[in-house]
Amino acid sequence: MAKTLRTGITTGTCAAAAAKAAALALFRDELKTSVELVLPDGSRENVPVAWVRRTSEEGATAAVIKDAGDDPDVTDGATVIAEVSRDTGMNIIFKAGEGVGVVTLPGLQILPGEPAINPVPRRMISEAIREITDGGVQVQISIPGGRQLAEKTFNPRLGVAGATVSNVKV
């Protein structure tokens, strides 16, 4: 009998869950141990939150631990952190934190100079935040140790500096 493989979650899903947990802390004073996300296929996933805290009147931070399931992903077990802060205007502004690269060459779906967070994870993060607030938000995604993980990937050849593999492939 064939073994059923254990499914995991993408780094983008981790980032969206952390961003939602941080937004809930900032805008609603709710410190959640898990959050529900709508995935790109329309299904819903309950994602555990490792920790969440208010950092100031204007910001909050949350973390999710990546569980790749049975997928041999170099980011399995990595901590994905989202720092959410209020911003003027109505936009969601993405920033690259520790271990999240910045695109350096043209040809990827993200323009040079932008954090290497692909369109689907950006949309997931934006939708998760928009469930909480319509206001302007800055969201910084970090993956401590991500630079070391990137040494095991193709990112430098793809024109991504200082990122983990999942910032390009998810």
Protein backbone atom coordinates (compact mmCIF):
# COMPACT_ATOMS: atom_id res chain seq x y z
CA MET A 1 0.00 0.00 0.00
CA ALA A 2 1.36 3.45 -0.94
CA LYS A 3 2.12 5.86 1.85
CA THR A 4 0.03 9.03 1.82
CA LEU A 5 2.29 12.05 1.85
CA ARG A 6 1.76 14.66 4.53
CA THR A 7 0.91 18.03 3.00
CA GLY A 8 2.42 21.25 4.25
CA ILE A 9 1.99 24.95 3.67
CA THR A 10 3.92 27.30 1.42
CA THR A 11 6.10 30.09 2.67
CA GLY A 12 3.62 32.51 1.11
CA THR A 13 0.84 31.00 3.21
CA CYS A 14 3.03 31.37 6.30
CA ALA A 15 3.68 35.03 5.45
CA ALA A 16 -0.03 35.71 4.87
CA ALA A 17 -0.98 34.02 8.15
CA ALA A 18 1.66 35.96 10.09
CA ALA A 19 0.53 39.22 8.45
CA LYS A 20 -3.11 38.51 9.33
CA ALA A 21 -2.22 37.68 12.94
CA ALA A 22 -0.17 40.88 13.23
CA ALA A 23 -2.98 42.94 11.67
CA LEU A 24 -5.49 41.44 14.12
CA ALA A 25 -3.20 42.42 17.00
CA LEU A 26 -2.67 45.94 15.67
CA PHE A 27 -6.18 46.86 14.56
CA ARG A 28 -8.37 44.73 16.87
CA ASP A 29 -6.14 43.97 19.88
CA GLU A 30 -6.66 40.25 19.21
CA LEU A 31 -3.73 37.93 19.93
CA LYS A 32 -4.53 34.75 17.99
CA THR A 33 -2.87 31.33 18.24
CA SER A 34 -4.13 30.49 14.74
CA VAL A 35 -5.74 32.29 11.82
CA GLU A 36 -7.89 31.14 8.92
CA LEU A 37 -6.80 32.02 5.38
CA VAL A 38 -8.42 31.70 2.00
CA LEU A 39 -5.96 29.84 -0.26
CA PRO A 40 -5.56 30.58 -3.98
CA ASP A 41 -7.81 27.62 -4.89
CA GLY A 42 -10.61 29.05 -2.72
CA SER A 43 -10.24 26.52 0.09
CA ARG A 44 -9.69 27.65 3.65
CA GLU A 45 -6.76 26.69 5.87
CA ASN A 46 -6.35 27.19 9.61
CA VAL A 47 -2.68 28.09 10.21
CA PRO A 48 -1.05 27.95 13.66
CA VAL A 49 0.66 31.15 14.83
CA ALA A 50 3.89 30.66 16.82
CA TRP A 51 3.67 34.05 18.52
CA VAL A 52 2.13 37.49 18.12
CA ARG A 53 2.63 40.79 19.95
CA ARG A 54 1.94 44.49 19.74
CA THR A 55 5.23 46.33 19.33
CA SER A 56 3.80 49.86 19.64
CA GLU A 57 0.61 51.83 19.10
CA GLU A 58 1.45 51.76 15.40
CA GLY A 59 2.75 48.21 14.91
CA ALA A 60 2.49 44.50 15.64
CA THR A 61 4.55 41.42 14.78
CA ALA A 62 3.64 37.75 14.37
CA ALA A 63 5.44 34.56 13.36
CA VAL A 64 4.49 31.27 11.75
CA ILE A 65 6.76 28.21 11.60
CA LYS A 66 6.97 26.72 8.10
CA ASP A 67 5.79 23.10 7.89
CA ALA A 68 6.57 21.75 4.43
CA GLY A 69 4.91 18.41 5.17
CA ASP A 70 6.75 15.62 3.34
CA ASP A 71 8.07 18.04 0.68
CA PRO A 72 11.90 18.24 0.85
CA ASP A 73 11.89 22.05 1.10
CA VAL A 74 14.97 23.85 2.47
CA THR A 75 12.65 26.28 4.26
CA ASP A 76 10.94 23.56 6.33
CA GLY A 77 11.04 24.65 9.97
CA ALA A 78 11.94 28.27 9.11
CA THR A 79 10.28 31.07 11.05
CA VAL A 80 8.34 33.48 8.84
CA ILE A 81 7.77 36.84 10.53
CA ALA A 82 5.43 39.65 9.48
CA GLU A 83 5.73 43.13 10.95
CA VAL A 84 2.64 45.21 10.22
CA SER A 85 2.46 48.94 10.84
CA ARG A 86 0.01 51.71 10.06
CA ASP A 87 0.80 53.85 7.01
CA THR A 88 -0.77 56.98 5.61
CA GLY A 89 -2.89 56.51 2.53
CA MET A 90 -4.74 53.39 1.51
CA ASN A 91 -2.01 51.15 0.04
CA ILE A 92 -0.31 48.02 1.31
CA ILE A 93 3.45 48.57 1.05
CA PHE A 94 5.74 45.53 1.02
CA LYS A 95 9.20 45.61 2.58
CA ALA A 96 11.95 43.00 2.68
CA GLY A 97 13.19 42.14 6.15
CA GLU A 98 16.02 39.86 7.22
CA GLY A 99 16.38 36.84 4.93
CA VAL A 100 13.97 38.11 2.27
CA GLY A 101 15.70 39.13 -0.91
CA VAL A 102 15.30 42.03 -3.23
CA VAL A 103 14.97 41.53 -6.97
CA THR A 104 18.11 42.80 -8.73
CA LEU A 105 17.56 41.78 -12.38
CA PRO A 106 14.66 42.27 -14.79
CA GLY A 107 12.74 39.25 -16.03
CA LEU A 108 10.99 38.06 -12.89
CA GLN A 109 7.35 38.83 -12.11
CA ILE A 110 8.48 41.43 -9.57
CA LEU A 111 10.35 44.57 -10.63
CA PRO A 112 13.99 45.17 -9.64
CA GLY A 113 14.24 46.92 -6.28
CA GLU A 114 11.11 45.25 -4.91
CA PRO A 115 11.04 42.56 -2.19
CA ALA A 116 11.21 39.11 -3.79
CA ILE A 117 7.67 38.15 -2.83
CA ASN A 118 5.83 36.77 -5.84
CA PRO A 119 2.36 37.89 -6.98
CA VAL A 120 0.36 35.02 -5.43
CA PRO A 121 1.84 35.43 -1.93
CA ARG A 122 1.48 39.23 -2.27
CA ARG A 123 -2.18 38.78 -3.13
CA MET A 124 -2.67 36.37 -0.20
CA ILE A 125 -0.98 38.79 2.21
CA SER A 126 -3.01 41.72 0.87
CA GLU A 127 -6.30 39.82 1.09
CA ALA A 128 -5.53 38.69 4.64
CA ILE A 129 -4.77 42.26 5.71
CA ARG A 130 -7.83 43.63 3.89
CA GLU A 131 -10.03 41.29 5.94
CA ILE A 132 -8.90 43.37 8.93
CA THR A 133 -8.46 46.94 7.64
CA ASP A 134 -8.96 49.11 4.56
CA GLY A 135 -6.32 51.58 5.74
CA GLY A 136 -2.73 52.04 4.68
CA VAL A 137 -0.35 49.35 5.93
CA GLN A 138 3.33 48.56 5.66
CA VAL A 139 4.14 44.87 5.91
CA GLN A 140 7.69 43.64 6.28
CA ILE A 141 8.33 39.93 5.83
CA SER A 142 11.43 38.38 7.42
CA ILE A 143 12.88 34.88 7.52
CA PRO A 144 15.71 34.70 10.06
CA GLY A 145 18.49 32.57 8.56
CA GLY A 146 17.04 33.06 5.08
CA ARG A 147 20.35 34.26 3.67
CA GLN A 148 21.99 30.95 4.62
CA LEU A 149 19.07 29.01 3.13
CA ALA A 150 19.46 30.96 -0.12
CA GLU A 151 22.96 29.53 -0.57
CA LYS A 152 21.25 26.20 -1.33
CA THR A 153 19.09 27.68 -4.13
CA PHE A 154 19.24 29.23 -7.59
CA ASN A 155 18.29 32.70 -6.36
CA PRO A 156 21.59 34.47 -7.14
CA ARG A 157 21.38 33.24 -10.73
CA LEU A 158 17.75 34.39 -10.94
CA GLY A 159 18.65 37.90 -9.82
CA VAL A 160 17.44 37.70 -6.23
CA ALA A 161 19.88 38.87 -3.57
CA GLY A 162 19.61 37.63 0.02
CA ALA A 163 16.41 35.61 -0.31
CA THR A 164 15.15 32.14 0.42
CA VAL A 165 14.07 29.81 -2.37
CA SER A 166 10.43 30.12 -1.47
CA ASN A 167 10.38 33.86 -2.14
CA VAL A 168 10.82 33.02 -5.81
CA LYS A 169 8.90 29.79 -6.24
CA VAL A 170 5.73 30.35 -4.20
